[in-house]
């Protein structure tokens, strides 16, 4: 009896979501999409000028970029031409 109940339980359909499934649902932007979002955020500041901004201003900009949904730290580093550690520490 227990074996049958166990088998029925294991074969029962459900709508459970695993943690791995929720990770894949996160929206990731392509580099081009990320670049467009960053340009919107920067306004008149050119992407290439960000790394030469004074440290306080640069970090302020990088913190805002980190808040953009779908932009990874590695991706932001590539776009700005800076290390991922600089993005992480901002």
N, C-alpha and C. Protein backbone atom coordinates (compact mmCIF):
# COMPACT_ATOMS: atom_id res chain seq x y z
N UNK A 1 0.82 -1.20 0.00
CA UNK A 1 0.00 0.00 0.00
C UNK A 1 0.87 1.26 0.00
N UNK A 2 1.89 1.28 0.81
CA UNK A 2 2.76 2.46 0.89
C UNK A 2 3.49 2.68 -0.43
N UNK A 3 3.92 1.60 -1.08
CA UNK A 3 4.63 1.72 -2.35
C UNK A 3 3.73 2.37 -3.40
N UNK A 4 2.48 1.95 -3.45
CA UNK A 4 1.55 2.50 -4.43
C UNK A 4 1.29 3.98 -4.16
N UNK A 5 1.13 4.34 -2.91
CA UNK A 5 0.89 5.74 -2.56
C UNK A 5 2.12 6.60 -2.89
N UNK A 6 3.31 6.05 -2.63
CA UNK A 6 4.55 6.75 -2.93
C UNK A 6 4.68 6.96 -4.45
N UNK A 7 4.39 5.92 -5.21
CA UNK A 7 4.47 6.02 -6.66
C UNK A 7 3.47 7.04 -7.18
N UNK A 8 2.25 7.01 -6.67
CA UNK A 8 1.22 7.96 -7.09
C UNK A 8 1.65 9.39 -6.77
N UNK A 9 2.23 9.58 -5.60
CA UNK A 9 2.71 10.90 -5.19
C UNK A 9 3.79 11.41 -6.14
N UNK A 10 4.74 10.58 -6.48
CA UNK A 10 5.86 10.96 -7.34
C UNK A 10 5.43 11.21 -8.78
N UNK A 11 4.39 10.58 -9.23
CA UNK A 11 3.94 10.73 -10.61
C UNK A 11 2.87 11.80 -10.77
N UNK A 12 2.42 12.36 -9.67
CA UNK A 12 1.39 13.38 -9.71
C UNK A 12 1.92 14.66 -10.37
N UNK A 13 1.13 15.25 -11.25
CA UNK A 13 1.50 16.52 -11.90
C UNK A 13 1.33 17.66 -10.91
N UNK A 14 2.23 18.65 -10.99
CA UNK A 14 2.10 19.83 -10.13
C UNK A 14 2.66 21.04 -10.86
N UNK A 15 2.48 22.20 -10.27
CA UNK A 15 2.95 23.45 -10.86
C UNK A 15 4.13 24.02 -10.08
N UNK A 16 4.84 23.17 -9.37
CA UNK A 16 5.98 23.64 -8.58
C UNK A 16 7.05 24.22 -9.49
N UNK A 17 7.74 25.24 -8.98
CA UNK A 17 8.86 25.83 -9.72
C UNK A 17 10.11 25.62 -8.90
N UNK A 18 11.13 25.18 -9.57
CA UNK A 18 12.42 25.00 -8.91
C UNK A 18 13.19 26.31 -8.98
N UNK A 19 14.18 26.46 -8.12
CA UNK A 19 14.99 27.67 -8.13
C UNK A 19 15.66 27.86 -9.48
N UNK A 20 16.11 26.80 -10.10
CA UNK A 20 16.76 26.89 -11.40
C UNK A 20 15.82 27.49 -12.45
N UNK A 21 14.55 27.18 -12.36
CA UNK A 21 13.57 27.71 -13.31
C UNK A 21 13.41 29.21 -13.17
N UNK A 22 13.42 29.72 -11.93
CA UNK A 22 13.23 31.15 -11.72
C UNK A 22 14.44 31.93 -12.18
N UNK A 23 15.63 31.36 -12.11
CA UNK A 23 16.82 32.05 -12.59
C UNK A 23 16.72 32.29 -14.08
N UNK A 24 16.24 31.31 -14.81
CA UNK A 24 16.12 31.43 -16.26
C UNK A 24 15.06 32.43 -16.68
N UNK A 25 14.16 32.77 -15.80
CA UNK A 25 13.10 33.71 -16.13
C UNK A 25 13.57 35.16 -16.07
N UNK A 26 14.73 35.40 -15.45
CA UNK A 26 15.23 36.76 -15.38
C UNK A 26 15.52 37.28 -16.77
N UNK A 27 15.15 38.50 -16.98
CA UNK A 27 15.34 39.13 -18.28
C UNK A 27 16.80 39.56 -18.41
N UNK A 28 17.45 39.13 -19.46
CA UNK A 28 18.82 39.54 -19.77
C UNK A 28 18.79 40.34 -21.06
N UNK A 29 19.43 41.50 -21.03
CA UNK A 29 19.50 42.33 -22.21
C UNK A 29 20.72 41.96 -23.04
N UNK A 30 20.61 42.11 -24.34
CA UNK A 30 21.78 41.95 -25.19
C UNK A 30 22.68 43.15 -24.94
N UNK A 31 23.93 43.08 -25.39
CA UNK A 31 24.83 44.22 -25.21
C UNK A 31 24.27 45.48 -25.88
N UNK A 32 23.68 45.32 -27.04
CA UNK A 32 23.12 46.48 -27.74
C UNK A 32 21.93 47.07 -26.98
N UNK A 33 21.06 46.21 -26.47
CA UNK A 33 19.92 46.69 -25.67
C UNK A 33 20.42 47.38 -24.41
N UNK A 34 21.42 46.78 -23.77
CA UNK A 34 22.00 47.36 -22.55
C UNK A 34 22.62 48.72 -22.86
N UNK A 35 23.33 48.81 -23.96
CA UNK A 35 23.96 50.07 -24.38
C UNK A 35 22.90 51.16 -24.57
N UNK A 36 21.77 50.81 -25.18
CA UNK A 36 20.69 51.79 -25.37
C UNK A 36 20.10 52.26 -24.04
N UNK A 37 19.90 51.31 -23.13
CA UNK A 37 19.37 51.65 -21.80
C UNK A 37 20.35 52.55 -21.05
N UNK A 38 21.62 52.25 -21.16
CA UNK A 38 22.65 53.05 -20.47
C UNK A 38 22.70 54.45 -21.07
N UNK A 39 22.60 54.55 -22.39
CA UNK A 39 22.60 55.87 -23.04
C UNK A 39 21.43 56.71 -22.56
N UNK A 40 20.25 56.08 -22.41
CA UNK A 40 19.08 56.80 -21.88
C UNK A 40 19.37 57.32 -20.49
N UNK A 41 19.99 56.50 -19.67
CA UNK A 41 20.29 56.85 -18.29
C UNK A 41 21.32 57.99 -18.22
N UNK A 42 22.33 57.95 -19.09
CA UNK A 42 23.41 58.93 -19.05
C UNK A 42 23.02 60.30 -19.57
N UNK A 43 22.03 60.35 -20.44
CA UNK A 43 21.65 61.64 -21.03
C UNK A 43 22.78 62.19 -21.88
N UNK A 44 23.28 63.40 -21.54
CA UNK A 44 24.31 64.03 -22.38
C UNK A 44 25.72 63.44 -22.23
N UNK A 45 25.94 62.62 -21.22
CA UNK A 45 27.26 62.04 -20.99
C UNK A 45 27.48 60.88 -21.95
N UNK A 46 28.61 60.88 -22.63
CA UNK A 46 28.96 59.78 -23.54
C UNK A 46 29.47 58.59 -22.73
N UNK A 47 29.14 57.38 -23.18
CA UNK A 47 29.59 56.16 -22.50
C UNK A 47 31.11 56.17 -22.35
N UNK A 48 31.82 56.57 -23.37
CA UNK A 48 33.28 56.54 -23.34
C UNK A 48 33.87 57.53 -22.33
N UNK A 49 33.10 58.52 -21.89
CA UNK A 49 33.60 59.52 -20.94
C UNK A 49 33.40 59.11 -19.48
N UNK A 50 32.60 58.10 -19.24
CA UNK A 50 32.27 57.72 -17.87
C UNK A 50 33.51 57.34 -17.07
N UNK A 51 34.42 56.57 -17.68
CA UNK A 51 35.58 56.12 -16.90
C UNK A 51 36.54 57.25 -16.56
N UNK A 52 36.42 58.41 -17.22
CA UNK A 52 37.28 59.54 -16.89
C UNK A 52 36.59 60.58 -16.00
N UNK A 53 35.36 60.29 -15.58
CA UNK A 53 34.67 61.19 -14.66
C UNK A 53 35.35 61.15 -13.30
N UNK A 54 35.17 62.21 -12.49
CA UNK A 54 35.68 62.14 -11.11
C UNK A 54 35.09 60.91 -10.41
N UNK A 55 35.85 60.30 -9.54
CA UNK A 55 35.48 59.03 -8.91
C UNK A 55 34.07 59.04 -8.32
N UNK A 56 33.72 60.09 -7.60
CA UNK A 56 32.40 60.15 -6.96
C UNK A 56 31.28 60.14 -8.01
N UNK A 57 31.44 60.95 -9.05
CA UNK A 57 30.42 61.01 -10.11
C UNK A 57 30.38 59.70 -10.88
N UNK A 58 31.57 59.15 -11.20
CA UNK A 58 31.65 57.87 -11.93
C UNK A 58 30.92 56.78 -11.15
N UNK A 59 31.19 56.67 -9.86
CA UNK A 59 30.54 55.64 -9.05
C UNK A 59 29.04 55.84 -8.95
N UNK A 60 28.62 57.09 -8.92
CA UNK A 60 27.18 57.39 -8.89
C UNK A 60 26.52 56.86 -10.17
N UNK A 61 27.16 57.12 -11.31
CA UNK A 61 26.65 56.64 -12.59
C UNK A 61 26.64 55.12 -12.62
N UNK A 62 27.72 54.50 -12.18
CA UNK A 62 27.81 53.04 -12.21
C UNK A 62 26.77 52.39 -11.30
N UNK A 63 26.48 53.01 -10.16
CA UNK A 63 25.43 52.46 -9.27
C UNK A 63 24.07 52.50 -9.97
N UNK A 64 23.81 53.56 -10.71
CA UNK A 64 22.54 53.66 -11.44
C UNK A 64 22.47 52.60 -12.53
N UNK A 65 23.60 52.36 -13.19
CA UNK A 65 23.65 51.36 -14.25
C UNK A 65 23.42 49.97 -13.66
N UNK A 66 23.99 49.70 -12.49
CA UNK A 66 23.79 48.38 -11.84
C UNK A 66 22.32 48.14 -11.53
N UNK A 67 21.56 49.20 -11.37
CA UNK A 67 20.14 49.06 -11.03
C UNK A 67 19.27 48.76 -12.25
N UNK A 68 19.83 48.86 -13.45
CA UNK A 68 19.05 48.57 -14.65
C UNK A 68 18.80 47.07 -14.72
N UNK A 69 17.55 46.68 -14.75
CA UNK A 69 17.20 45.26 -14.81
C UNK A 69 17.66 44.65 -16.12
N UNK A 70 18.36 43.53 -16.01
CA UNK A 70 18.80 42.82 -17.20
C UNK A 70 20.22 43.11 -17.62
N UNK A 71 20.89 44.04 -16.93
CA UNK A 71 22.29 44.35 -17.24
C UNK A 71 23.17 43.71 -16.18
N UNK A 72 24.07 42.83 -16.61
CA UNK A 72 24.97 42.17 -15.67
C UNK A 72 26.19 43.04 -15.42
N UNK A 73 26.89 42.77 -14.33
CA UNK A 73 28.10 43.51 -14.01
C UNK A 73 29.15 43.33 -15.11
N UNK A 74 29.30 42.11 -15.56
CA UNK A 74 30.28 41.81 -16.61
C UNK A 74 29.94 42.59 -17.89
N UNK A 75 28.67 42.62 -18.21
CA UNK A 75 28.21 43.33 -19.40
C UNK A 75 28.49 44.83 -19.27
N UNK A 76 28.19 45.40 -18.11
CA UNK A 76 28.44 46.83 -17.88
C UNK A 76 29.93 47.12 -18.01
N UNK A 77 30.77 46.24 -17.47
CA UNK A 77 32.21 46.40 -17.60
C UNK A 77 32.66 46.42 -19.05
N UNK A 78 32.11 45.51 -19.85
CA UNK A 78 32.44 45.47 -21.28
C UNK A 78 32.04 46.77 -21.97
N UNK A 79 30.84 47.24 -21.68
CA UNK A 79 30.32 48.43 -22.34
C UNK A 79 31.13 49.67 -21.97
N UNK A 80 31.50 49.79 -20.70
CA UNK A 80 32.26 50.96 -20.25
C UNK A 80 33.77 50.82 -20.45
N UNK A 81 34.22 49.60 -20.71
CA UNK A 81 35.65 49.38 -20.87
C UNK A 81 36.40 49.44 -19.56
N UNK A 82 35.74 48.98 -18.49
CA UNK A 82 36.36 48.95 -17.16
C UNK A 82 36.24 47.54 -16.59
N UNK A 83 36.96 47.30 -15.50
CA UNK A 83 36.92 45.97 -14.91
C UNK A 83 35.60 45.73 -14.20
N UNK A 84 35.24 44.48 -14.08
CA UNK A 84 34.03 44.10 -13.37
C UNK A 84 34.13 44.50 -11.89
N UNK A 85 35.35 44.47 -11.36
CA UNK A 85 35.55 44.87 -9.95
C UNK A 85 35.20 46.33 -9.72
N UNK A 86 35.51 47.18 -10.68
CA UNK A 86 35.17 48.59 -10.55
C UNK A 86 33.65 48.76 -10.51
N UNK A 87 32.96 48.03 -11.35
CA UNK A 87 31.49 48.08 -11.37
C UNK A 87 30.96 47.55 -10.04
N UNK A 88 31.51 46.43 -9.59
CA UNK A 88 31.04 45.80 -8.36
C UNK A 88 31.22 46.73 -7.15
N UNK A 89 32.36 47.41 -7.08
CA UNK A 89 32.68 48.24 -5.92
C UNK A 89 31.96 49.58 -5.93
N UNK A 90 31.43 49.99 -7.06
CA UNK A 90 30.79 51.31 -7.16
C UNK A 90 29.59 51.42 -6.25
